[in-house]
Amino acid sequence: AAQKAEAGRKAAAEEAAAEEASRIEKERIATEKAEAERMAATEKATAEEASRIEKEHIAAQKAEAGRKAAAEEAAAEEASRIEKERIATEKAEAERMAATEKATAEEASRIEKEHIAAQKAEA
């Protein structure tokens, strides 16, 4: 009976030890799984952050290119406006000179006609 009791205790101890070993192994597997999931989540977050930063960088480059193009367009429009103004000023000046020359010629013609009329009157 004592041997039977001893064998029962030994079997119970071995079963308890096997259950403890099984529990420890399950815990180890769960810990490894959790760590792998944490690492995967960290890698995913890192990749998403890198992607976000790259998208922001691209958007900033596009915005800068847009600002530069707008500034160049504005400068070209201003240069065009200045050139048109210069041409209009030159044209107006040429028209004033032509009008002055015409008026001077007309005045000279009038004086010449008066002079001829005065000579005829004397004769």
PDB file of N, CA and C in Angstrom:
ATOM      1  N   ALA A   1       0.839  -1.201   0.000  1.00  0.00           N
ATOM      2  CA  ALA A   1       0.000   0.000   0.000  1.00  0.00           C
ATOM      3  C   ALA A   1       0.869   1.244   0.000  1.00  0.00           C
ATOM      4  N   ALA A   2       1.975   1.161   0.781  1.00  0.00           N
ATOM      5  CA  ALA A   2       2.878   2.310   0.847  1.00  0.00           C
ATOM      6  C   ALA A   2       3.512   2.552  -0.514  1.00  0.00           C
ATOM      7  N   GLN A   3       3.864   1.453  -1.193  1.00  0.00           N
ATOM      8  CA  GLN A   3       4.454   1.590  -2.533  1.00  0.00           C
ATOM      9  C   GLN A   3       3.451   2.191  -3.486  1.00  0.00           C
ATOM     10  N   LYS A   4       2.191   1.750  -3.349  1.00  0.00           N
ATOM     11  CA  LYS A   4       1.144   2.250  -4.223  1.00  0.00           C
ATOM     12  C   LYS A   4       0.942   3.742  -3.981  1.00  0.00           C
ATOM     13  N   ALA A   5       0.953   4.131  -2.696  1.00  0.00           N
ATOM     14  CA  ALA A   5       0.775   5.543  -2.346  1.00  0.00           C
ATOM     15  C   ALA A   5       1.953   6.352  -2.879  1.00  0.00           C
ATOM     16  N   GLU A   6       3.156   5.787  -2.734  1.00  0.00           N
ATOM     17  CA  GLU A   6       4.379   6.467  -3.215  1.00  0.00           C
ATOM     18  C   GLU A   6       4.319   6.620  -4.730  1.00  0.00           C
ATOM     19  N   ALA A   7       3.885   5.551  -5.402  1.00  0.00           N
ATOM     20  CA  ALA A   7       3.774   5.590  -6.861  1.00  0.00           C
ATOM     21  C   ALA A   7       2.743   6.630  -7.272  1.00  0.00           C
ATOM     22  N   GLY A   8       1.643   6.733  -6.520  1.00  0.00           N
ATOM     23  CA  GLY A   8       0.594   7.727  -6.804  1.00  0.00           C
ATOM     24  C   GLY A   8       1.131   9.136  -6.636  1.00  0.00           C
ATOM     25  N   ARG A   9       1.897   9.343  -5.523  1.00  0.00           N
ATOM     26  CA  ARG A   9       2.488  10.674  -5.283  1.00  0.00           C
ATOM     27  C   ARG A   9       3.494  11.020  -6.371  1.00  0.00           C
ATOM     28  N   LYS A  10       4.275  10.007  -6.763  1.00  0.00           N
ATOM     29  CA  LYS A  10       5.284  10.217  -7.801  1.00  0.00           C
ATOM     30  C   LYS A  10       4.599  10.568  -9.123  1.00  0.00           C
ATOM     31  N   ALA A  11       3.543   9.855  -9.462  1.00  0.00           N
ATOM     32  CA  ALA A  11       2.797  10.107 -10.702  1.00  0.00           C
ATOM     33  C   ALA A  11       2.171  11.499 -10.654  1.00  0.00           C
ATOM     34  N   ALA A  12       1.618  11.871  -9.477  1.00  0.00           N
ATOM     35  CA  ALA A  12       0.997  13.189  -9.331  1.00  0.00           C
ATOM     36  C   ALA A  12       2.062  14.283  -9.469  1.00  0.00           C
ATOM     37  N   ALA A  13       3.238  14.064  -8.878  1.00  0.00           N
ATOM     38  CA  ALA A  13       4.326  15.042  -8.951  1.00  0.00           C
ATOM     39  C   ALA A  13       4.790  15.184 -10.402  1.00  0.00           C
ATOM     40  N   GLU A  14       4.926  14.051 -11.096  1.00  0.00           N
ATOM     41  CA  GLU A  14       5.346  14.100 -12.508  1.00  0.00           C
ATOM     42  C   GLU A  14       4.309  14.814 -13.359  1.00  0.00           C
ATOM     43  N   GLU A  15       3.019  14.564 -13.087  1.00  0.00           N
ATOM     44  CA  GLU A  15       1.944  15.225 -13.833  1.00  0.00           C
ATOM     45  C   GLU A  15       1.977  16.739 -13.556  1.00  0.00           C
ATOM     46  N   ALA A  16       2.169  17.116 -12.271  1.00  0.00           N
ATOM     47  CA  ALA A  16       2.237  18.531 -11.897  1.00  0.00           C
ATOM     48  C   ALA A  16       3.439  19.184 -12.583  1.00  0.00           C
ATOM     49  N   ALA A  17       4.574  18.469 -12.597  1.00  0.00           N
ATOM     50  CA  ALA A  17       5.782  18.999 -13.229  1.00  0.00           C
ATOM     51  C   ALA A  17       5.551  19.170 -14.734  1.00  0.00           C
ATOM     52  N   ALA A  18       4.873  18.182 -15.355  1.00  0.00           N
ATOM     53  CA  ALA A  18       4.591  18.260 -16.790  1.00  0.00           C
ATOM     54  C   ALA A  18       3.653  19.421 -17.082  1.00  0.00           C
ATOM     55  N   GLU A  19       2.635  19.622 -16.223  1.00  0.00           N
ATOM     56  CA  GLU A  19       1.701  20.733 -16.399  1.00  0.00           C
ATOM     57  C   GLU A  19       2.424  22.072 -16.243  1.00  0.00           C
ATOM     58  N   GLU A  20       3.322  22.165 -15.262  1.00  0.00           N
ATOM     59  CA  GLU A  20       4.101  23.391 -15.037  1.00  0.00           C
ATOM     60  C   GLU A  20       5.001  23.669 -16.243  1.00  0.00           C
ATOM     61  N   ALA A  21       5.635  22.602 -16.756  1.00  0.00           N
ATOM     62  CA  ALA A  21       6.490  22.760 -17.937  1.00  0.00           C
ATOM     63  C   ALA A  21       5.652  23.219 -19.129  1.00  0.00           C
ATOM     64  N   SER A  22       4.461  22.670 -19.284  1.00  0.00           N
ATOM     65  CA  SER A  22       3.561  23.043 -20.370  1.00  0.00           C
ATOM     66  C   SER A  22       3.138  24.503 -20.218  1.00  0.00           C
ATOM     67  N   ARG A  23       2.809  24.898 -18.971  1.00  0.00           N
ATOM     68  CA  ARG A  23       2.386  26.286 -18.714  1.00  0.00           C
ATOM     69  C   ARG A  23       3.531  27.256 -19.034  1.00  0.00           C
ATOM     70  N   ILE A  24       4.734  26.907 -18.589  1.00  0.00           N
ATOM     71  CA  ILE A  24       5.909  27.757 -18.853  1.00  0.00           C
ATOM     72  C   ILE A  24       6.155  27.870 -20.364  1.00  0.00           C
ATOM     73  N   GLU A  25       6.046  26.762 -21.093  1.00  0.00           N
ATOM     74  CA  GLU A  25       6.251  26.770 -22.551  1.00  0.00           C
ATOM     75  C   GLU A  25       5.198  27.643 -23.234  1.00  0.00           C
ATOM     76  N   LYS A  26       3.916  27.497 -22.800  1.00  0.00           N
ATOM     77  CA  LYS A  26       2.844  28.328 -23.371  1.00  0.00           C
ATOM     78  C   LYS A  26       3.105  29.809 -23.103  1.00  0.00           C
ATOM     79  N   GLU A  27       3.562  30.129 -21.879  1.00  0.00           N
ATOM     80  CA  GLU A  27       3.891  31.503 -21.501  1.00  0.00           C
ATOM     81  C   GLU A  27       5.017  32.045 -22.384  1.00  0.00           C
ATOM     82  N   ARG A  28       6.045  31.186 -22.601  1.00  0.00           N
ATOM     83  CA  ARG A  28       7.191  31.584 -23.428  1.00  0.00           C
ATOM     84  C   ARG A  28       6.730  31.875 -24.851  1.00  0.00           C
ATOM     85  N   ILE A  29       5.872  31.014 -25.389  1.00  0.00           N
ATOM     86  CA  ILE A  29       5.355  31.188 -26.754  1.00  0.00           C
ATOM     87  C   ILE A  29       4.514  32.466 -26.836  1.00  0.00           C
ATOM     88  N   ALA A  30       3.673  32.691 -25.819  1.00  0.00           N
ATOM     89  CA  ALA A  30       2.830  33.894 -25.796  1.00  0.00           C
ATOM     90  C   ALA A  30       3.698  35.151 -25.729  1.00  0.00           C
ATOM     91  N   THR A  31       4.766  35.092 -24.908  1.00  0.00           N
ATOM     92  CA  THR A  31       5.683  36.231 -24.774  1.00  0.00           C
ATOM     93  C   THR A  31       6.379  36.508 -26.105  1.00  0.00           C
ATOM     94  N   GLU A  32       6.859  35.456 -26.765  1.00  0.00           N
ATOM     95  CA  GLU A  32       7.524  35.614 -28.074  1.00  0.00           C
ATOM     96  C   GLU A  32       6.560  36.186 -29.108  1.00  0.00           C
ATOM     97  N   LYS A  33       5.308  35.688 -29.081  1.00  0.00           N
ATOM     98  CA  LYS A  33       4.296  36.173 -30.033  1.00  0.00           C
ATOM     99  C   LYS A  33       4.017  37.659 -29.794  1.00  0.00           C
ATOM    100  N   ALA A  34       3.856  38.031 -28.509  1.00  0.00           N
ATOM    101  CA  ALA A  34       3.589  39.434 -28.166  1.00  0.00           C
ATOM    102  C   ALA A  34       4.759  40.319 -28.603  1.00  0.00           C
ATOM    103  N   GLU A  35       5.987  39.841 -28.379  1.00  0.00           N
ATOM    104  CA  GLU A  35       7.178  40.611 -28.768  1.00  0.00           C
ATOM    105  C   GLU A  35       7.244  40.759 -30.291  1.00  0.00           C
ATOM    106  N   ALA A  36       6.950  39.700 -31.009  1.00  0.00           N
ATOM    107  CA  ALA A  36       6.948  39.758 -32.478  1.00  0.00           C
ATOM    108  C   ALA A  36       5.887  40.747 -32.965  1.00  0.00           C
ATOM    109  N   GLU A  37       4.713  40.740 -32.313  1.00  0.00           N
ATOM    110  CA  GLU A  37       3.646  41.671 -32.687  1.00  0.00           C
ATOM    111  C   GLU A  37       4.062  43.116 -32.396  1.00  0.00           C
ATOM    112  N   ARG A  38       4.719  43.344 -31.248  1.00  0.00           N
ATOM    113  CA  ARG A  38       5.202  44.687 -30.913  1.00  0.00           C
ATOM    114  C   ARG A  38       6.226  45.160 -31.943  1.00  0.00           C
ATOM    115  N   MET A  39       7.136  44.259 -32.305  1.00  0.00           N
ATOM    116  CA  MET A  39       8.156  44.616 -33.304  1.00  0.00           C
ATOM    117  C   MET A  39       7.513  44.933 -34.648  1.00  0.00           C
ATOM    118  N   ALA A  40       6.541  44.131 -35.056  1.00  0.00           N
ATOM    119  CA  ALA A  40       5.852  44.360 -36.329  1.00  0.00           C
ATOM    120  C   ALA A  40       5.114  45.695 -36.296  1.00  0.00           C
ATOM    121  N   ALA A  41       4.457  45.981 -35.168  1.00  0.00           N
ATOM    122  CA  ALA A  41       3.721  47.242 -35.032  1.00  0.00           C
ATOM    123  C   ALA A  41       4.696  48.426 -35.088  1.00  0.00           C
ATOM    124  N   THR A  42       5.853  48.270 -34.432  1.00  0.00           N
ATOM    125  CA  THR A  42       6.869  49.335 -34.441  1.00  0.00           C
ATOM    126  C   THR A  42       7.393  49.562 -35.856  1.00  0.00           C
ATOM    127  N   GLU A  43       7.689  48.460 -36.558  1.00  0.00           N
ATOM    128  CA  GLU A  43       8.175  48.580 -37.942  1.00  0.00           C
ATOM    129  C   GLU A  43       7.131  49.236 -38.832  1.00  0.00           C
ATOM    130  N   LYS A  44       5.855  48.851 -38.647  1.00  0.00           N
ATOM    131  CA  LYS A  44       4.771  49.442 -39.441  1.00  0.00           C
ATOM    132  C   LYS A  44       4.671  50.941 -39.157  1.00  0.00           C
ATOM    133  N   ALA A  45       4.700  51.315 -37.872  1.00  0.00           N
ATOM    134  CA  ALA A  45       4.610  52.734 -37.494  1.00  0.00           C
ATOM    135  C   ALA A  45       5.794  53.514 -38.064  1.00  0.00           C
ATOM    136  N   THR A  46       6.986  52.913 -38.014  1.00  0.00           N
ATOM    137  CA  THR A  46       8.187  53.566 -38.555  1.00  0.00           C
ATOM    138  C   THR A  46       8.055  53.773 -40.054  1.00  0.00           C
ATOM    139  N   ALA A  47       7.569  52.752 -40.753  1.00  0.00           N
ATOM    140  CA  ALA A  47       7.392  52.852 -42.211  1.00  0.00           C
ATOM    141  C   ALA A  47       6.338  53.904 -42.552  1.00  0.00           C
ATOM    142  N   GLU A  48       5.250  53.941 -41.766  1.00  0.00           N
ATOM    143  CA  GLU A  48       4.197  54.940 -42.006  1.00  0.00           C
ATOM    144  C   GLU A  48       4.728  56.351 -41.771  1.00  0.00           C
ATOM    145  N   GLU A  49       5.524  56.513 -40.732  1.00  0.00           N
ATOM    146  CA  GLU A  49       6.106  57.836 -40.435  1.00  0.00           C
ATOM    147  C   GLU A  49       7.059  58.254 -41.555  1.00  0.00           C
ATOM    148  N   ALA A  50       7.873  57.319 -42.028  1.00  0.00           N
ATOM    149  CA  ALA A  50       8.795  57.623 -43.134  1.00  0.00           C
ATOM    150  C   ALA A  50       8.005  58.012 -44.383  1.00  0.00           C
ATOM    151  N   SER A  51       6.930  57.306 -44.641  1.00  0.00           N
ATOM    152  CA  SER A  51       6.082  57.605 -45.801  1.00  0.00           C
ATOM    153  C   SER A  51       5.455  58.990 -45.660  1.00  0.00           C
ATOM    154  N   ARG A  52       4.960  59.307 -44.457  1.00  0.00           N
ATOM    155  CA  ARG A  52       4.345  60.613 -44.201  1.00  0.00           C
ATOM    156  C   ARG A  52       5.367  61.732 -44.415  1.00  0.00           C
ATOM    157  N   ILE A  53       6.575  61.530 -43.881  1.00  0.00           N
ATOM    158  CA  ILE A  53       7.635  62.536 -44.024  1.00  0.00           C
ATOM    159  C   ILE A  53       7.979  62.722 -45.503  1.00  0.00           C
ATOM    160  N   GLU A  54       8.083  61.620 -46.253  1.00  0.00           N
ATOM    161  CA  GLU A  54       8.399  61.697 -47.690  1.00  0.00           C
ATOM    162  C   GLU A  54       7.295  62.441 -48.440  1.00  0.00           C
ATOM    163  N   LYS A  55       6.023  62.137 -48.102  1.00  0.00           N
ATOM    164  CA  LYS A  55       4.899  62.834 -48.758  1.00  0.00           C
ATOM    165  C   LYS A  55       4.943  64.328 -48.452  1.00  0.00           C
ATOM    166  N   GLU A  56       5.239  64.674 -47.187  1.00  0.00           N
ATOM    167  CA  GLU A  56       5.348  66.089 -46.807  1.00  0.00           C
ATOM    168  C   GLU A  56       6.473  66.765 -47.593  1.00  0.00           C
ATOM    169  N   HIS A  57       7.585  66.056 -47.735  1.00  0.00           N
ATOM    170  CA  HIS A  57       8.740  66.592 -48.469  1.00  0.00           C
ATOM    171  C   HIS A  57       8.359  66.858 -49.928  1.00  0.00           C
ATOM    172  N   ILE A  58       7.682  65.891 -50.537  1.00  0.00           N
ATOM    173  CA  ILE A  58       7.247  66.041 -51.934  1.00  0.00           C
ATOM    174  C   ILE A  58       6.269  67.206 -52.065  1.00  0.00           C
ATOM    175  N   ALA A  59       5.324  67.296 -51.122  1.00  0.00           N
ATOM    176  CA  ALA A  59       4.344  68.397 -51.147  1.00  0.00           C
ATOM    177  C   ALA A  59       5.051  69.744 -51.005  1.00  0.00           C
ATOM    178  N   ALA A  60       6.053  69.805 -50.128  1.00  0.00           N
ATOM    179  CA  ALA A  60       6.808  71.054 -49.938  1.00  0.00           C
ATOM    180  C   ALA A  60       7.559  71.426 -51.213  1.00  0.00           C
ATOM    181  N   GLN A  61       8.146  70.416 -51.877  1.00  0.00           N
ATOM    182  CA  GLN A  61       8.859  70.686 -53.141  1.00  0.00           C
ATOM    183  C   GLN A  61       7.896  71.195 -54.208  1.00  0.00           C
ATOM    184  N   LYS A  62       6.702  70.558 -54.283  1.00  0.00           N
ATOM    185  CA  LYS A  62       5.699  71.002 -55.269  1.00  0.00           C
ATOM    186  C   LYS A  62       5.268  72.430 -54.983  1.00  0.00           C
ATOM    187  N   ALA A  63       5.028  72.732 -53.699  1.00  0.00           N
ATOM    188  CA  ALA A  63       4.599  74.079 -53.317  1.00  0.00           C
ATOM    189  C   ALA A  63       5.675  75.096 -53.677  1.00  0.00           C
ATOM    190  N   GLU A  64       6.927  74.761 -53.411  1.00  0.00           N
ATOM    191  CA  GLU A  64       8.047  75.664 -53.728  1.00  0.00           C
ATOM    192  C   GLU A  64       8.147  75.874 -55.234  1.00  0.00           C
ATOM    193  N   ALA A  65       7.990  74.791 -55.995  1.00  0.00           N
ATOM    194  CA  ALA A  65       8.026  74.909 -57.462  1.00  0.00           C
ATOM    195  C   ALA A  65       6.880  75.792 -57.948  1.00  0.00           C
ATOM    196  N   GLY A  66       5.705  75.632 -57.328  1.00  0.00           N
ATOM    197  CA  GLY A  66       4.548  76.457 -57.689  1.00  0.00           C
ATOM    198  C   GLY A  66       4.795  77.920 -57.387  1.00  0.00           C
ATOM    199  N   ARG A  67       5.368  78.197 -56.197  1.00  0.00           N
ATOM    200  CA  ARG A  67       5.681  79.592 -55.833  1.00  0.00           C
ATOM    201  C   ARG A  67       6.698  80.179 -56.803  1.00  0.00           C
ATOM    202  N   LYS A  68       7.704  79.381 -57.148  1.00  0.00           N
ATOM    203  CA  LYS A  68       8.756  79.857 -58.056  1.00  0.00           C
ATOM    204  C   LYS A  68       8.168  80.164 -59.438  1.00  0.00           C
ATOM    205  N   ALA A  69       7.314  79.257 -59.928  1.00  0.00           N
ATOM    206  CA  ALA A  69       6.684  79.463 -61.236  1.00  0.00           C
ATOM    207  C   ALA A  69       5.803  80.714 -61.211  1.00  0.00           C
ATOM    208  N   ALA A  70       5.052  80.894 -60.118  1.00  0.00           N
ATOM    209  CA  ALA A  70       4.182  82.073 -60.000  1.00  0.00           C
ATOM    210  C   ALA A  70       5.018  83.351 -59.971  1.00  0.00           C
ATOM    211  N   ALA A  71       6.131  83.316 -59.253  1.00  0.00           N
ATOM    212  CA  ALA A  71       7.011  84.492 -59.183  1.00  0.00           C
ATOM    213  C   ALA A  71       7.603  84.799 -60.553  1.00  0.00           C
ATOM    214  N   GLU A  72       8.024  83.740 -61.278  1.00  0.00           N
ATOM    215  CA  GLU A  72       8.583  83.941 -62.624  1.00  0.00           C
ATOM    216  C   GLU A  72       7.526  84.496 -63.573  1.00  0.00           C
ATOM    217  N   GLU A  73       6.296  83.980 -63.460  1.00  0.00           N
ATOM    218  CA  GLU A  73       5.202  84.470 -64.313  1.00  0.00           C
ATOM    219  C   GLU A  73       4.905  85.939 -64.006  1.00  0.00           C
ATOM    220  N   ALA A  74       4.879  86.278 -62.706  1.00  0.00           N
ATOM    221  CA  ALA A  74       4.615  87.665 -62.307  1.00  0.00           C
ATOM    222  C   ALA A  74       5.727  88.584 -62.830  1.00  0.00           C
ATOM    223  N   ALA A  75       6.977  88.114 -62.750  1.00  0.00           N
ATOM    224  CA  ALA A  75       8.104  88.916 -63.231  1.00  0.00           C
ATOM    225  C   ALA A  75       8.005  89.121 -64.747  1.00  0.00           C
ATOM    226  N   ALA A  76       7.623  88.072 -65.464  1.00  0.00           N
ATOM    227  CA  ALA A  76       7.481  88.171 -66.922  1.00  0.00           C
ATOM    228  C   ALA A  76       6.351  89.134 -67.280  1.00  0.00           C
ATOM    229  N   GLU A  77       5.237  89.056 -66.527  1.00  0.00           N
ATOM    230  CA  GLU A  77       4.116  89.970 -66.783  1.00  0.00           C
ATOM    231  C   GLU A  77       4.526  91.408 -66.508  1.00  0.00           C
ATOM    232  N   GLU A  78       5.285  91.627 -65.431  1.00  0.00           N
ATOM    233  CA  GLU A  78       5.749  92.980 -65.098  1.00  0.00           C
ATOM    234  C   GLU A  78       6.691  93.496 -66.187  1.00  0.00           C
ATOM    235  N   ALA A  79       7.584  92.645 -66.669  1.00  0.00           N
ATOM    236  CA  ALA A  79       8.506  93.049 -67.743  1.00  0.00           C
ATOM    237  C   ALA A  79       7.717  93.407 -68.999  1.00  0.00           C
ATOM    238  N   SER A  80       6.696  92.625 -69.312  1.00  0.00           N
ATOM    239  CA  SER A  80       5.855  92.888 -70.481  1.00  0.00           C
ATOM    240  C   SER A  80       5.127  94.225 -70.319  1.00  0.00           C
ATOM    241  N   ARG A  81       4.589  94.461 -69.103  1.00  0.00           N
ATOM    242  CA  ARG A  81       3.866  95.716 -68.838  1.00  0.00           C
ATOM    243  C   ARG A  81       4.805  96.911 -69.006  1.00  0.00           C
ATOM    244  N   ILE A  82       6.019  96.787 -68.466  1.00  0.00           N
ATOM    245  CA  ILE A  82       7.004  97.875 -68.565  1.00  0.00           C
ATOM    246  C   ILE A  82       7.367  98.125 -70.029  1.00  0.00           C
ATOM    247  N   GLU A  83       7.560  97.055 -70.798  1.00  0.00           N
ATOM    248  CA  GLU A  83       7.904  97.206 -72.227  1.00  0.00           C
ATOM    249  C   GLU A  83       6.758  97.880 -72.985  1.00  0.00           C
ATOM    250  N   LYS A  84       5.514  97.474 -72.714  1.00  0.00           N
ATOM    251  CA  LYS A  84       4.363  98.105 -73.375  1.00  0.00           C
ATOM    252  C   LYS A  84       4.286  99.585 -73.024  1.00  0.00           C
ATOM    253  N   GLU A  85       4.548  99.907 -71.745  1.00  0.00           N
ATOM    254  CA  GLU A  85       4.538 101.296 -71.283  1.00  0.00           C
ATOM    255  C   GLU A  85       5.608 102.107 -72.019  1.00  0.00           C
ATOM    256  N   ARG A  86       6.804 101.507 -72.166  1.00  0.00           N
ATOM    257  CA  ARG A  86       7.919 102.180 -72.847  1.00  0.00           C
ATOM    258  C   ARG A  86       7.549 102.467 -74.304  1.00  0.00           C
ATOM    259  N   ILE A  87       6.950 101.460 -74.958  1.00  0.00           N
ATOM    260  CA  ILE A  87       6.555 101.634 -76.367  1.00  0.00           C
ATOM    261  C   ILE A  87       5.484 102.720 -76.488  1.00  0.00           C
ATOM    262  N   ALA A  88       4.501 102.697 -75.576  1.00  0.00           N
ATOM    263  CA  ALA A  88       3.434 103.704 -75.606  1.00  0.00           C
ATOM    264  C   ALA A  88       4.014 105.098 -75.382  1.00  0.00           C
ATOM    265  N   THR A  89       4.976 105.216 -74.463  1.00  0.00           N
ATOM    266  CA  THR A  89       5.619 106.509 -74.192  1.00  0.00           C
ATOM    267  C   THR A  89       6.374 106.992 -75.416  1.00  0.00           C
ATOM    268  N   GLU A  90       7.134 106.103 -76.049  1.00  0.00           N
ATOM    269  CA  GLU A  90       7.878 106.476 -77.265  1.00  0.00           C
ATOM    270  C   GLU A  90       6.928 106.906 -78.370  1.00  0.00           C
ATOM    271  N   LYS A  91       5.809 106.176 -78.512  1.00  0.00           N
ATOM    272  CA  LYS A  91       4.823 106.513 -79.545  1.00  0.00           C
ATOM    273  C   LYS A  91       4.215 107.894 -79.281  1.00  0.00           C
ATOM    274  N   ALA A  92       3.849 108.148 -78.025  1.00  0.00           N
ATOM    275  CA  ALA A  92       3.265 109.440 -77.654  1.00  0.00           C
ATOM    276  C   ALA A  92       4.261 110.564 -77.909  1.00  0.00           C
ATOM    277  N   GLU A  93       5.526 110.322 -77.558  1.00  0.00           N
ATOM    278  CA  GLU A  93       6.573 111.334 -77.777  1.00  0.00           C
ATOM    279  C   GLU A  93       6.755 111.609 -79.278  1.00  0.00           C
ATOM    280  N   ALA A  94       6.752 110.532 -80.063  1.00  0.00           N
ATOM    281  CA  ALA A  94       6.893 110.695 -81.517  1.00  0.00           C
ATOM    282  C   ALA A  94       5.704 111.475 -82.080  1.00  0.00           C
ATOM    283  N   GLU A  95       4.500 111.183 -81.575  1.00  0.00           N
ATOM    284  CA  GLU A  95       3.304 111.907 -82.036  1.00  0.00           C
ATOM    285  C   GLU A  95       3.374 113.380 -81.650  1.00  0.00           C
ATOM    286  N   ARG A  96       3.857 113.682 -80.419  1.00  0.00           N
ATOM    287  CA  ARG A  96       4.010 115.089 -79.994  1.00  0.00           C
ATOM    288  C   ARG A  96       5.011 115.818 -80.886  1.00  0.00           C
ATOM    289  N   MET A  97       6.133 115.133 -81.175  1.00  0.00           N
ATOM    290  CA  MET A  97       7.152 115.753 -82.042  1.00  0.00           C
ATOM    291  C   MET A  97       6.589 116.012 -83.434  1.00  0.00           C
ATOM    292  N   ALA A  98       5.846 115.048 -83.976  1.00  0.00           N
ATOM    293  CA  ALA A  98       5.267 115.212 -85.315  1.00  0.00           C
ATOM    294  C   ALA A  98       4.263 116.369 -85.312  1.00  0.00           C
ATOM    295  N   ALA A  99       3.451 116.453 -84.246  1.00  0.00           N
ATOM    296  CA  ALA A  99       2.473 117.540 -84.157  1.00  0.00           C
ATOM    297  C   ALA A  99       3.185 118.886 -84.052  1.00  0.00           C
ATOM    298  N   THR A 100       4.281 118.947 -83.278  1.00  0.00           N
ATOM    299  CA  THR A 100       5.053 120.191 -83.136  1.00  0.00           C
ATOM    300  C   THR A 100       5.660 120.593 -84.483  1.00  0.00           C
ATOM    301  N   GLU A 101       6.237 119.590 -85.177  1.00  0.00           N
ATOM    302  CA  GLU A 101       6.834 119.870 -86.492  1.00  0.00           C
ATOM    303  C   GLU A 101       5.774 120.359 -87.480  1.00  0.00           C
ATOM    304  N   LYS A 102       4.577 119.746 -87.444  1.00  0.00           N
ATOM    305  CA  LYS A 102       3.484 120.149 -88.338  1.00  0.00           C
ATOM    306  C   LYS A 102       3.057 121.582 -88.026  1.00  0.00           C
ATOM    307  N   ALA A 103       2.889 121.869 -86.711  1.00  0.00           N
ATOM    308  CA  ALA A 103       2.476 123.219 -86.309  1.00  0.00           C
ATOM    309  C   ALA A 103       3.534 124.240 -86.709  1.00  0.00           C
ATOM    310  N   THR A 104       4.814 123.885 -86.549  1.00  0.00           N
ATOM    311  CA  THR A 104       5.910 124.796 -86.931  1.00  0.00           C
ATOM    312  C   THR A 104       5.890 125.038 -88.434  1.00  0.00           C
ATOM    313  N   ALA A 105       5.692 123.977 -89.200  1.00  0.00           N
ATOM    314  CA  ALA A 105       5.647 124.110 -90.665  1.00  0.00           C
ATOM    315  C   ALA A 105       4.455 124.964 -91.090  1.00  0.00           C
ATOM    316  N   GLU A 106       3.300 124.738 -90.449  1.00  0.00           N
ATOM    317  CA  GLU A 106       2.103 125.528 -90.770  1.00  0.00           C
ATOM    318  C   GLU A 106       2.330 127.002 -90.437  1.00  0.00           C
ATOM    319  N   GLU A 107       2.979 127.260 -89.272  1.00  0.00           N
ATOM    320  CA  GLU A 107       3.260 128.653 -88.866  1.00  0.00           C
ATOM    321  C   GLU A 107       4.227 129.294 -89.862  1.00  0.00           C
ATOM    322  N   ALA A 108       5.240 128.540 -90.292  1.00  0.00           N
ATOM    323  CA  ALA A 108       6.210 129.065 -91.264  1.00  0.00           C
ATOM    324  C   ALA A 108       5.512 129.359 -92.581  1.00  0.00           C
ATOM    325  N   SER A 109       4.612 128.491 -93.005  1.00  0.00           N
ATOM    326  CA  SER A 109       3.865 128.684 -94.258  1.00  0.00           C
ATOM    327  C   SER A 109       2.979 129.924 -94.156  1.00  0.00           C
ATOM    328  N   ARG A 110       2.314 130.085 -92.980  1.00  0.00           N
ATOM    329  CA  ARG A 110       1.444 131.256 -92.795  1.00  0.00           C
ATOM    330  C   ARG A 110       2.253 132.543 -92.862  1.00  0.00           C
ATOM    331  N   ILE A 111       3.437 132.545 -92.172  1.00  0.00           N
ATOM    332  CA  ILE A 111       4.291 133.742 -92.177  1.00  0.00           C
ATOM    333  C   ILE A 111       4.770 134.039 -93.598  1.00  0.00           C
ATOM    334  N   GLU A 112       5.146 133.001 -94.327  1.00  0.00           N
ATOM    335  CA  GLU A 112       5.624 133.179 -95.715  1.00  0.00           C
ATOM    336  C   GLU A 112       4.509 133.775 -96.584  1.00  0.00           C
ATOM    337  N   LYS A 113       3.275 133.253 -96.415  1.00  0.00           N
ATOM    338  CA  LYS A 113       2.144 133.776 -97.194  1.00  0.00           C
ATOM    339  C   LYS A 113       1.881 135.239 -96.847  1.00  0.00           C
ATOM    340  N   GLU A 114       1.966 135.596 -95.554  1.00  0.00           N
ATOM    341  CA  GLU A 114       1.777 136.985 -95.130  1.00  0.00           C
ATOM    342  C   GLU A 114       2.854 137.882 -95.756  1.00  0.00           C
ATOM    343  N   HIS A 115       4.063 137.378 -95.753  1.00  0.00           N
ATOM    344  CA  HIS A 115       5.200 138.133 -96.307  1.00  0.00           C
ATOM    345  C   HIS A 115       4.987 138.399 -97.805  1.00  0.00           C
ATOM    346  N   ILE A 116       4.549 137.345 -98.536  1.00  0.00           N
ATOM    347  CA  ILE A 116       4.282 137.493 -99.985  1.00  0.00           C
ATOM    348  C   ILE A 116       3.156 138.479-100.204  1.00  0.00           C
ATOM    349  N   ALA A 117       2.093 138.354 -99.358  1.00  0.00           N
ATOM    350  CA  ALA A 117       0.939 139.276 -99.486  1.00  0.00           C
ATOM    351  C   ALA A 117       1.379 140.703 -99.220  1.00  0.00           C
ATOM    352  N   ALA A 118       2.240 140.899 -98.252  1.00  0.00           N
ATOM    353  CA  ALA A 118       2.733 142.254 -97.932  1.00  0.00           C
ATOM    354  C   ALA A 118       3.563 142.811 -99.065  1.00  0.00           C
ATOM    355  N   GLN A 119       4.380 141.960 -99.698  1.00  0.00           N
ATOM    356  CA  GLN A 119       5.197 142.427-100.831  1.00  0.00           C
ATOM    357  C   GLN A 119       4.298 142.842-101.997  1.00  0.00           C
ATOM    358  N   LYS A 120       3.237 142.018-102.256  1.00  0.00           N
ATOM    359  CA  LYS A 120       2.317 142.329-103.340  1.00  0.00           C
ATOM    360  C   LYS A 120       1.600 143.654-103.073  1.00  0.00           C
ATOM    361  N   ALA A 121       1.243 143.872-101.826  1.00  0.00           N
ATOM    362  CA  ALA A 121       0.536 145.090-101.453  1.00  0.00           C
ATOM    363  C   ALA A 121       1.417 146.314-101.672  1.00  0.00           C
ATOM    364  N   GLU A 122       2.733 146.186-101.397  1.00  0.00           N
ATOM    365  CA  GLU A 122       3.668 147.298-101.593  1.00  0.00           C
ATOM    366  C   GLU A 122       3.840 147.585-103.065  1.00  0.00           C
ATOM    367  N   ALA A 123       3.822 146.551-103.882  1.00  0.00           N
ATOM    368  CA  ALA A 123       4.039 146.716-105.317  1.00  0.00           C
ATOM    369  C   ALA A 123       2.748 147.178-105.914  1.00  0.00           C
TER     370      ALA A 123
END
